């Protein structure tokens, strides 16, 4: 009733207001009109089946011609068959549904429109529950939602992750992955849909299947996926003790430009290698490690390589990651006397110099003036930006401000929102950032050592602005010796 009363919904039904009540009654009727079809009824058969079916329908001359044109034509034909298959099944189901309900085709289209409004409403209210019912209506009625509607539904349903499995009426179903597969059968896959499908496969313990999914799009526009897509696969390989597969994927992630490795990912991987004994001097090499360029492929030398990798990307290891590393080495070097640490225990701090032959996996407090580690007597490296690097960062931020402004303005315009001209908006964004930079350079007083994104910090976890939370963040930074600037 709330959705049906909205002005934009009334606008969509303006030419046929009597249809609104008919469509509403149909969507709200909980009785099934047809035997149930699940999402797999709409998904295309496997690539092998498609290829076989396609060859059977071609005559000899057409086959030879297609084979001569190479893989690109074959792949294009597969894609066309996939799209037409899903659309054909939707049309078939829609006709069955119209016959069973006496709805007209225009009314069926309006029902699809109404479910699009439902998706928007659920996004605004952060309430995914109605979409589970809406998804069943899509499957039952053979609806073909717009790509934007499916993307919005995926966003809202993702808010419910971790809760869906608690509902007895859903059983073992993964509705999020169902919607993602349905989206990719109708439209071009997106990084969001691929990430959700990867997460679903990882949740079922199928790391190899998740990696194979990424391999299947290796030659497309989504070849360079982000850390959030690949790291769950790496973590599952580590949990399963498949270190050779983990190292292969780790190497791939390190050489993918858009994957920026995080402290937790490094810690999980290095701890798993340690736990499986591959850092021991008497360890066998990891299968395939030398082929990837890791030499030595085991022992302390391999640890040096991986720790050096970590040092390039990670400046600080949080407590949880430190605990993971500690436990990995404790389990892999049991004779060392290291004990594992539970999630409720605090890590001990080592403050005295230890012998080179002793394995230490503790935290240390480094002297701020000397930067010397008390356990190893080594001096930590000082990381600074050279003047040329500072200029590069400054200029790159100005370019990004302009480009991001254009993208954002274009997105608003595509949704019918009134905006200033793209070029004008981009120029304003660049000017604002330039003025802020000049203010930082010319202001007097103590230099700022930390920047706080005030709106995000104040909003996080509350759904509304909480200034007290922002104040706590500033206080915490000041206690750490920082001089924060809130923006």
Protein backbone atom coordinates (compact mmCIF):
# COMPACT_ATOMS: atom_id res chain seq x y z
CA UNK A 1 0.00 0.00 0.00
CA UNK A 2 2.89 2.37 0.77
CA UNK A 3 4.51 1.68 -2.60
CA UNK A 4 1.24 1.86 -4.53
CA UNK A 5 0.53 5.29 -3.05
CA UNK A 6 3.81 6.83 -4.19
CA UNK A 7 3.65 9.49 -6.87
CA UNK A 8 6.05 7.76 -9.25
CA UNK A 9 4.04 4.53 -9.04
CA UNK A 10 0.78 6.39 -9.69
CA UNK A 11 2.51 8.05 -12.63
CA UNK A 12 3.42 4.65 -14.14
CA UNK A 13 -0.20 3.50 -13.82
CA UNK A 14 -1.75 6.81 -14.89
CA UNK A 15 -2.94 5.50 -18.25
CA UNK A 16 -4.50 2.41 -16.70
CA UNK A 17 -5.36 3.05 -13.02
CA UNK A 18 -7.76 0.09 -12.93
CA UNK A 19 -4.83 -2.21 -13.71
CA UNK A 20 -3.05 -1.20 -10.51
CA UNK A 21 -5.63 -2.93 -8.32
CA UNK A 22 -5.64 -6.02 -10.54
CA UNK A 23 -1.85 -6.29 -10.48
CA UNK A 24 -1.72 -5.66 -6.73
CA UNK A 25 -4.23 -8.40 -6.01
CA UNK A 26 -2.30 -10.81 -8.19
CA UNK A 27 1.06 -10.07 -6.56
CA UNK A 28 -0.38 -10.25 -3.05
CA UNK A 29 -2.08 -13.60 -3.66
CA UNK A 30 0.05 -16.21 -1.89
CA UNK A 31 -1.42 -19.14 -3.79
CA UNK A 32 0.71 -20.57 -6.58
CA UNK A 33 -0.81 -20.38 -10.03
CA UNK A 34 1.67 -22.82 -11.61
CA UNK A 35 4.00 -25.63 -10.55
CA UNK A 36 7.16 -24.11 -9.13
CA UNK A 37 10.14 -23.33 -11.36
CA UNK A 38 13.46 -22.58 -9.67
CA UNK A 39 16.09 -20.29 -11.14
CA UNK A 40 17.87 -23.14 -12.91
CA UNK A 41 14.88 -23.56 -15.23
CA UNK A 42 15.86 -20.21 -16.73
CA UNK A 43 19.62 -20.64 -16.86
CA UNK A 44 21.26 -21.84 -20.08
CA UNK A 45 22.68 -25.36 -20.33
CA UNK A 46 26.41 -25.91 -19.95
CA UNK A 47 28.85 -24.63 -22.54
CA UNK A 48 29.42 -28.17 -23.78
CA UNK A 49 25.69 -28.72 -24.30
CA UNK A 50 25.35 -25.37 -26.04
CA UNK A 51 28.27 -26.14 -28.32
CA UNK A 52 26.88 -29.58 -29.16
CA UNK A 53 23.38 -28.24 -29.84
CA UNK A 54 24.76 -25.48 -32.01
CA UNK A 55 26.82 -27.89 -34.11
CA UNK A 56 23.83 -30.16 -34.64
CA UNK A 57 21.79 -27.30 -36.10
CA UNK A 58 24.49 -26.18 -38.54
CA UNK A 59 25.04 -27.81 -41.92
CA UNK A 60 28.52 -28.84 -42.97
CA UNK A 61 29.38 -25.65 -44.86
CA UNK A 62 28.26 -23.43 -41.97
CA UNK A 63 30.29 -25.48 -39.51
CA UNK A 64 33.43 -25.22 -41.60
CA UNK A 65 32.91 -21.49 -42.06
CA UNK A 66 32.45 -20.96 -38.34
CA UNK A 67 35.49 -23.04 -37.48
CA UNK A 68 37.63 -21.06 -39.90
CA UNK A 69 36.64 -17.77 -38.26
CA UNK A 70 38.16 -18.84 -34.96
CA UNK A 71 37.16 -18.77 -31.33
CA UNK A 72 35.72 -15.25 -31.34
CA UNK A 73 32.76 -16.24 -33.52
CA UNK A 74 32.18 -19.39 -31.47
CA UNK A 75 32.23 -17.41 -28.23
CA UNK A 76 29.89 -14.80 -29.70
CA UNK A 77 27.46 -17.50 -30.78
CA UNK A 78 27.57 -19.09 -27.34
CA UNK A 79 26.74 -15.73 -25.78
CA UNK A 80 23.84 -15.15 -28.16
CA UNK A 81 22.50 -18.64 -27.46
CA UNK A 82 22.77 -18.07 -23.72
CA UNK A 83 20.85 -14.83 -23.86
CA UNK A 84 18.15 -16.14 -26.18
CA UNK A 85 17.76 -19.29 -24.09
CA UNK A 86 16.95 -17.37 -20.91
CA UNK A 87 14.65 -14.95 -22.70
CA UNK A 88 12.92 -17.83 -24.44
CA UNK A 89 12.30 -19.63 -21.14
CA UNK A 90 10.99 -16.42 -19.57
CA UNK A 91 8.61 -15.91 -22.48
CA UNK A 92 7.43 -19.51 -22.20
CA UNK A 93 6.76 -19.15 -18.48
CA UNK A 94 5.10 -15.76 -18.95
CA UNK A 95 2.63 -17.24 -21.48
CA UNK A 96 1.83 -20.06 -19.07
CA UNK A 97 1.28 -17.54 -16.28
CA UNK A 98 -0.97 -15.29 -18.37
CA UNK A 99 -3.14 -18.26 -19.28
CA UNK A 100 -3.39 -19.36 -15.64
CA UNK A 101 -4.21 -15.88 -14.28
CA UNK A 102 -6.09 -14.23 -17.18
CA UNK A 103 -3.74 -11.27 -16.94
CA UNK A 104 -2.95 -9.36 -20.11
CA UNK A 105 0.58 -8.83 -21.40
CA UNK A 106 0.47 -5.10 -20.47
CA UNK A 107 -0.64 -6.02 -16.96
CA UNK A 108 2.24 -8.48 -16.73
CA UNK A 109 4.65 -5.69 -17.69
CA UNK A 110 3.10 -3.42 -15.07
CA UNK A 111 3.60 -6.14 -12.45
CA UNK A 112 7.30 -6.14 -13.37
CA UNK A 113 7.33 -2.35 -12.99
CA UNK A 114 5.68 -2.58 -9.57
CA UNK A 115 8.30 -5.06 -8.39
CA UNK A 116 10.96 -2.59 -9.55
CA UNK A 117 9.37 0.01 -7.26
CA UNK A 118 9.38 -2.59 -4.48
CA UNK A 119 13.12 -3.06 -5.01
CA UNK A 120 13.72 0.71 -4.78
CA UNK A 121 11.59 0.96 -1.64
CA UNK A 122 13.50 -1.88 0.03
CA UNK A 123 16.78 -0.14 -0.81
CA UNK A 124 15.63 3.10 0.79
CA UNK A 125 14.40 1.32 3.93
CA UNK A 126 17.28 -1.22 4.06
CA UNK A 127 14.68 -3.97 4.38
CA UNK A 128 15.40 -7.07 2.24
CA UNK A 129 12.56 -9.27 3.49
CA UNK A 130 9.91 -8.27 0.89
CA UNK A 131 12.36 -9.07 -1.90
CA UNK A 132 12.35 -12.78 -1.03
CA UNK A 133 8.65 -12.82 -1.87
CA UNK A 134 9.24 -10.60 -4.89
CA UNK A 135 11.90 -12.98 -6.19
CA UNK A 136 9.47 -15.90 -6.00
CA UNK A 137 6.98 -13.84 -8.01
CA UNK A 138 9.65 -13.20 -10.66
CA UNK A 139 10.33 -16.92 -10.97
CA UNK A 140 6.66 -17.90 -10.96
CA UNK A 141 5.49 -15.30 -13.49
CA UNK A 142 8.49 -15.36 -15.84
CA UNK A 143 9.24 -11.67 -15.35
CA UNK A 144 12.28 -10.01 -16.89
CA UNK A 145 13.28 -7.13 -14.59
CA UNK A 146 15.50 -4.33 -15.82
CA UNK A 147 19.21 -4.64 -15.08
CA UNK A 148 18.99 -1.74 -12.62
CA UNK A 149 16.24 -3.52 -10.69
CA UNK A 150 18.28 -6.70 -10.36
CA UNK A 151 21.35 -4.71 -9.30
CA UNK A 152 19.32 -2.90 -6.65
CA UNK A 153 17.86 -6.20 -5.44
CA UNK A 154 21.35 -7.67 -5.14
CA UNK A 155 22.47 -4.72 -3.05
CA UNK A 156 19.50 -5.02 -0.68
CA UNK A 157 19.67 -8.81 -0.39
CA UNK A 158 23.38 -8.53 0.40
CA UNK A 159 22.39 -6.59 3.53
CA UNK A 160 20.76 -9.78 4.77
CA UNK A 161 23.82 -12.01 4.37
CA UNK A 162 24.40 -14.16 7.40
CA UNK A 163 20.74 -13.96 8.42
CA UNK A 164 19.17 -15.83 5.52
CA UNK A 165 20.55 -19.18 6.65
CA UNK A 166 18.77 -18.74 9.98
CA UNK A 167 15.36 -18.88 8.31
CA UNK A 168 13.88 -22.35 8.17
CA UNK A 169 11.67 -21.45 5.20
CA UNK A 170 14.73 -20.80 3.00
CA UNK A 171 16.46 -24.09 3.72
CA UNK A 172 19.81 -24.32 1.93
CA UNK A 173 18.90 -21.78 -0.74
CA UNK A 174 21.25 -18.94 -1.55
CA UNK A 175 18.85 -16.34 -2.95
CA UNK A 176 21.58 -13.76 -3.49
CA UNK A 177 23.52 -16.08 -5.79
CA UNK A 178 20.28 -17.05 -7.57
CA UNK A 179 19.60 -13.41 -8.42
CA UNK A 180 23.25 -12.94 -9.47
CA UNK A 181 23.08 -15.93 -11.83
CA UNK A 182 19.76 -14.71 -13.23
CA UNK A 183 21.30 -11.26 -13.80
CA UNK A 184 24.30 -12.70 -15.64
CA UNK A 185 22.07 -14.87 -17.82
CA UNK A 186 20.19 -11.78 -19.02
CA UNK A 187 22.81 -9.04 -18.89
CA UNK A 188 26.56 -8.60 -18.86
CA UNK A 189 28.17 -9.87 -15.64
CA UNK A 190 29.38 -7.17 -13.27
CA UNK A 191 32.06 -7.22 -10.63
CA UNK A 192 29.29 -7.29 -8.01
CA UNK A 193 27.60 -10.40 -9.45
CA UNK A 194 30.90 -12.21 -9.90
CA UNK A 195 31.91 -11.37 -6.33
CA UNK A 196 28.59 -12.69 -4.99
CA UNK A 197 28.89 -15.93 -6.97
CA UNK A 198 32.46 -16.38 -5.78
CA UNK A 199 31.30 -15.86 -2.21
CA UNK A 200 28.56 -18.45 -2.69
CA UNK A 201 31.02 -21.05 -4.02
CA UNK A 202 33.46 -20.31 -1.21
CA UNK A 203 30.62 -20.69 1.29
CA UNK A 204 30.06 -24.20 -0.06
CA UNK A 205 33.77 -24.99 0.27
CA UNK A 206 34.43 -24.99 -3.48
CA UNK A 207 37.60 -22.90 -3.80
CA UNK A 208 38.57 -24.52 -7.10
CA UNK A 209 35.12 -23.78 -8.54
CA UNK A 210 35.34 -20.15 -7.43
CA UNK A 211 38.78 -19.78 -9.02
CA UNK A 212 37.53 -21.46 -12.20
CA UNK A 213 34.74 -18.86 -12.36
CA UNK A 214 37.35 -16.11 -12.30
CA UNK A 215 39.37 -17.92 -14.95
CA UNK A 216 36.29 -18.05 -17.20
CA UNK A 217 36.25 -14.24 -17.40
CA UNK A 218 40.03 -13.82 -17.57
CA UNK A 219 39.92 -12.42 -21.11
CA UNK A 220 37.02 -10.04 -20.53
CA UNK A 221 36.60 -6.58 -19.01
CA UNK A 222 36.36 -8.07 -15.50
CA UNK A 223 39.73 -9.83 -15.75
CA UNK A 224 41.33 -7.56 -13.13
CA UNK A 225 39.14 -8.18 -10.13
CA UNK A 226 39.54 -6.56 -6.77
CA UNK A 227 40.82 -7.88 -3.46
CA UNK A 228 37.34 -8.50 -2.06
CA UNK A 229 36.63 -10.97 -4.88
CA UNK A 230 39.84 -12.99 -4.74
CA UNK A 231 40.74 -12.95 -1.03
CA UNK A 232 37.90 -15.29 0.12
CA UNK A 233 39.18 -17.95 -2.31
CA UNK A 234 42.72 -17.58 -1.01
CA UNK A 235 41.50 -17.85 2.58
CA UNK A 236 39.57 -21.05 1.80
CA UNK A 237 42.63 -22.64 0.18
CA UNK A 238 44.58 -21.76 3.33
CA UNK A 239 41.92 -23.23 5.62
CA UNK A 240 41.93 -26.44 3.59
CA UNK A 241 45.73 -26.67 3.72
CA UNK A 242 46.04 -26.56 -0.09
CA UNK A 243 49.17 -24.42 0.01
CA UNK A 244 50.24 -25.06 -3.58
CA UNK A 245 46.88 -23.74 -4.85
CA UNK A 246 47.04 -20.88 -2.33
CA UNK A 247 50.50 -19.84 -3.53
CA UNK A 248 49.39 -19.95 -7.16
CA UNK A 249 46.43 -17.67 -6.44
CA UNK A 250 48.53 -15.42 -4.18
CA UNK A 251 51.04 -14.95 -7.01
CA UNK A 252 48.23 -14.07 -9.40
CA UNK A 253 46.80 -11.54 -6.94
CA UNK A 254 50.22 -9.92 -6.44
CA UNK A 255 50.53 -9.38 -10.19
CA UNK A 256 46.99 -8.03 -10.72
CA UNK A 257 46.98 -4.25 -10.75
CA UNK A 258 43.60 -3.79 -9.07
CA UNK A 259 44.27 -6.18 -6.18
CA UNK A 260 45.75 -4.33 -3.22
CA UNK A 261 46.64 -6.90 -0.58
CA UNK A 262 45.57 -6.17 2.97
CA UNK A 263 47.20 -7.07 6.27
CA UNK A 264 44.62 -9.75 7.04
CA UNK A 265 45.14 -11.46 3.69
CA UNK A 266 48.91 -11.55 4.08
CA UNK A 267 48.58 -12.78 7.66
CA UNK A 268 46.18 -15.60 6.76
CA UNK A 269 48.39 -16.76 3.90
CA UNK A 270 51.75 -16.56 5.70
CA UNK A 271 50.26 -18.22 8.80
CA UNK A 272 48.89 -21.10 6.69
CA UNK A 273 52.28 -21.64 5.01
CA UNK A 274 53.90 -21.62 8.47
CA UNK A 275 51.32 -24.00 9.97
CA UNK A 276 51.89 -26.52 7.16
CA UNK A 277 55.63 -26.50 7.89
CA UNK A 278 56.89 -24.93 4.69
CA UNK A 279 59.07 -22.38 6.50
CA UNK A 280 61.05 -25.12 8.24
CA UNK A 281 64.62 -25.68 7.08
CA UNK A 282 63.91 -29.37 6.43
CA UNK A 283 60.69 -28.75 4.46
CA UNK A 284 59.99 -30.07 1.00
CA UNK A 285 59.41 -27.30 -1.59
CA UNK A 286 55.86 -26.23 -2.33
CA UNK A 287 54.64 -27.85 -5.55
CA UNK A 288 54.89 -25.44 -8.46
CA UNK A 289 56.56 -22.70 -6.40
CA UNK A 290 59.75 -22.60 -8.49
CA UNK A 291 57.73 -22.41 -11.71
CA UNK A 292 56.16 -19.23 -10.29
CA UNK A 293 59.59 -17.75 -9.57
CA UNK A 294 59.85 -18.53 -5.84
CA UNK A 295 63.38 -19.70 -5.19
CA UNK A 296 63.86 -21.01 -2.59
CA UNK A 297 60.44 -22.67 -2.64
CA UNK A 298 60.44 -23.42 1.10
CA UNK A 299 62.31 -22.74 4.33
CA UNK A 300 63.41 -19.41 5.85
CA UNK A 301 64.27 -18.06 2.39
CA UNK A 302 60.64 -18.34 1.30
CA UNK A 303 59.58 -16.60 4.52
CA UNK A 304 61.93 -13.72 3.66
CA UNK A 305 60.32 -13.40 0.22
CA UNK A 306 56.75 -13.36 1.54
CA UNK A 307 57.55 -11.00 4.42
CA UNK A 308 59.24 -8.64 1.94
CA UNK A 309 56.08 -8.74 -0.17
CA UNK A 310 54.04 -7.90 2.89
CA UNK A 311 56.32 -4.99 3.82
CA UNK A 312 55.60 -3.35 0.45
CA UNK A 313 51.85 -3.07 1.16
CA UNK A 314 51.34 -3.21 4.94
CA UNK A 315 52.47 -0.58 7.42
CA UNK A 316 50.71 -1.92 10.52
CA UNK A 317 49.47 -5.35 11.59
CA UNK A 318 46.28 -5.25 13.68
CA UNK A 319 45.91 -7.39 16.79
CA UNK A 320 43.75 -10.03 15.11
CA UNK A 321 46.21 -10.51 12.24
CA UNK A 322 49.13 -10.66 14.68
CA UNK A 323 47.31 -13.41 16.58
CA UNK A 324 46.77 -15.37 13.37
CA UNK A 325 50.49 -15.14 12.54
CA UNK A 326 51.48 -16.18 16.06
CA UNK A 327 49.27 -19.25 15.98
CA UNK A 328 50.45 -20.27 12.51
CA UNK A 329 54.09 -20.31 13.61
CA UNK A 330 53.24 -21.98 16.94
CA UNK A 331 51.54 -24.86 15.09
CA UNK A 332 54.26 -25.14 12.45
CA UNK A 333 57.19 -25.00 14.92
CA UNK A 334 55.86 -27.00 17.86
CA UNK A 335 59.35 -27.72 19.21
CA UNK A 336 59.91 -23.96 19.64
CA UNK A 337 57.78 -23.82 22.77
CA UNK A 338 55.47 -21.19 21.29
CA UNK A 339 51.91 -21.54 22.51
CA UNK A 340 48.80 -20.67 20.53
CA UNK A 341 46.71 -17.71 21.66
CA UNK A 342 42.91 -17.79 21.84
CA UNK A 343 40.70 -15.00 20.55
CA UNK A 344 40.10 -13.80 24.12
CA UNK A 345 43.79 -13.67 25.09
CA UNK A 346 46.08 -10.74 24.52
CA UNK A 347 49.41 -11.20 22.77
CA UNK A 348 52.48 -10.82 24.92
CA UNK A 349 55.00 -8.07 24.22
CA UNK A 350 58.70 -8.88 23.94
CA UNK A 351 60.96 -6.14 25.26
CA UNK A 352 64.31 -7.91 25.63
CA UNK A 353 66.89 -8.92 23.03
CA UNK A 354 66.67 -12.59 22.04
CA UNK A 355 69.17 -15.01 20.55
CA UNK A 356 69.17 -15.52 16.76
CA UNK A 357 68.30 -19.21 17.21
CA UNK A 358 65.06 -18.46 19.07
CA UNK A 359 61.77 -18.15 17.23
CA UNK A 360 59.86 -15.06 18.33
CA UNK A 361 56.25 -14.41 17.30
CA UNK A 362 55.30 -11.69 19.74
CA UNK A 363 54.44 -8.05 19.42
CA UNK A 364 57.06 -5.44 20.30
CA UNK A 365 57.01 -1.77 21.26
CA UNK A 366 59.39 0.08 18.94
CA UNK A 367 61.16 3.16 20.29
CA UNK A 368 59.73 6.21 18.51
CA UNK A 369 63.08 8.01 18.55
CA UNK A 370 65.48 5.25 17.49
CA UNK A 371 63.03 2.99 15.55
CA UNK A 372 64.96 -0.02 16.91
CA UNK A 373 63.19 -3.32 17.53
CA UNK A 374 63.94 -4.45 21.14
CA UNK A 375 63.81 -8.16 20.23
CA UNK A 376 66.08 -8.18 17.16
CA UNK A 377 68.03 -4.90 17.53
CA UNK A 378 67.17 -4.07 13.91
CA UNK A 379 66.21 -0.55 12.82
CA UNK A 380 62.87 -0.20 11.09
CA UNK A 381 62.93 1.49 7.72
CA UNK A 382 61.72 5.08 7.45
CA UNK A 383 59.08 5.51 4.76
CA UNK A 384 58.86 9.01 3.36
CA UNK A 385 57.61 10.58 0.15
CA UNK A 386 60.20 12.33 -1.95
CA UNK A 387 59.27 15.79 -3.25
CA UNK A 388 58.61 14.39 -6.74
CA UNK A 389 56.30 11.75 -5.25
CA UNK A 390 54.42 14.40 -3.26
CA UNK A 391 53.84 16.45 -6.40
CA UNK A 392 52.64 13.33 -8.22
CA UNK A 393 50.13 12.48 -5.48
CA UNK A 394 48.91 16.10 -5.40
CA UNK A 395 48.40 16.31 -9.17
CA UNK A 396 46.81 12.86 -9.38
CA UNK A 397 44.24 13.79 -6.73
CA UNK A 398 43.23 16.87 -8.73
CA UNK A 399 42.78 14.77 -11.88
CA UNK A 400 40.75 12.20 -9.91
CA UNK A 401 38.51 14.94 -8.50
CA UNK A 402 37.67 16.05 -12.03
CA UNK A 403 37.13 12.56 -13.44
CA UNK A 404 35.08 11.27 -10.50
CA UNK A 405 32.89 14.39 -10.61
CA UNK A 406 32.10 13.76 -14.28
CA UNK A 407 31.21 10.12 -13.63
CA UNK A 408 28.97 11.03 -10.67
CA UNK A 409 27.21 13.83 -12.58
CA UNK A 410 26.59 11.51 -15.54
CA UNK A 411 25.12 8.88 -13.21
CA UNK A 412 22.72 11.41 -11.69
CA UNK A 413 21.70 12.62 -15.15
CA UNK A 414 20.99 9.03 -16.27
CA UNK A 415 18.52 8.74 -13.38
CA UNK A 416 16.69 11.91 -14.36
CA UNK A 417 18.25 14.06 -11.64
CA UNK A 418 18.90 17.71 -12.49
CA UNK A 419 22.62 18.50 -12.43
CA UNK A 420 25.01 21.20 -13.51
CA UNK A 421 26.98 20.68 -16.68
CA UNK A 422 29.57 17.89 -16.31
CA UNK A 423 32.47 20.16 -17.19
CA UNK A 424 31.31 22.87 -14.78
CA UNK A 425 30.92 20.37 -11.94
CA UNK A 426 34.36 18.88 -12.65
CA UNK A 427 35.94 22.35 -12.65
CA UNK A 428 34.26 23.19 -9.34
CA UNK A 429 35.46 19.94 -7.76
CA UNK A 430 39.02 20.61 -8.89
CA UNK A 431 38.88 24.19 -7.65
CA UNK A 432 37.59 23.17 -4.22
CA UNK A 433 40.38 20.61 -3.79
CA UNK A 434 42.98 23.10 -5.03
CA UNK A 435 41.83 25.69 -2.49
CA UNK A 436 41.95 23.08 0.28
CA UNK A 437 45.51 22.16 -0.75
CA UNK A 438 46.57 25.81 -0.71
CA UNK A 439 45.03 26.27 2.74
CA UNK A 440 47.02 23.31 4.08
CA UNK A 441 50.21 24.81 2.65
CA UNK A 442 49.68 28.34 3.98
CA UNK A 443 48.00 27.80 7.35
CA UNK A 444 50.03 28.36 10.49
CA UNK A 445 50.36 26.05 13.45
CA UNK A 446 51.03 22.40 14.12
CA UNK A 447 50.83 20.18 10.99
CA UNK A 448 47.99 17.69 10.78
CA UNK A 449 49.02 14.04 11.03
CA UNK A 450 45.63 12.39 10.45
CA UNK A 451 42.59 13.18 8.31
CA UNK A 452 39.15 12.09 9.55
CA UNK A 453 36.24 11.64 7.13
CA UNK A 454 33.72 13.21 9.51
CA UNK A 455 30.49 12.20 7.77
CA UNK A 456 31.47 8.55 7.40
CA UNK A 457 32.77 8.21 10.95
CA UNK A 458 29.71 9.92 12.43
CA UNK A 459 27.29 7.86 10.30
CA UNK A 460 28.95 4.44 10.59
CA UNK A 461 26.81 1.81 12.31
CA UNK A 462 23.98 4.19 13.21
CA UNK A 463 22.12 5.02 10.01
CA UNK A 464 22.18 8.67 11.10
CA UNK A 465 24.76 11.25 12.14
CA UNK A 466 26.24 10.61 15.59
CA UNK A 467 28.56 13.51 16.47
CA UNK A 468 29.52 11.84 19.76
CA UNK A 469 31.04 8.92 17.80
CA UNK A 470 33.08 11.40 15.76
CA UNK A 471 34.27 13.05 18.96
CA UNK A 472 35.38 9.68 20.34
CA UNK A 473 37.42 9.04 17.17
CA UNK A 474 39.19 12.40 17.48
CA UNK A 475 39.92 11.76 21.15
CA UNK A 476 41.31 8.30 20.40
CA UNK A 477 43.64 9.72 17.73
CA UNK A 478 44.83 12.48 20.02
CA UNK A 479 45.65 9.92 22.72
CA UNK A 480 47.86 8.19 20.14
CA UNK A 481 49.79 11.41 19.63
CA UNK A 482 48.07 12.40 16.38
CA UNK A 483 46.87 15.86 15.41
CA UNK A 484 43.66 15.14 13.47
CA UNK A 485 41.79 17.30 10.99
CA UNK A 486 38.07 16.54 10.58
CA UNK A 487 36.65 17.07 7.11
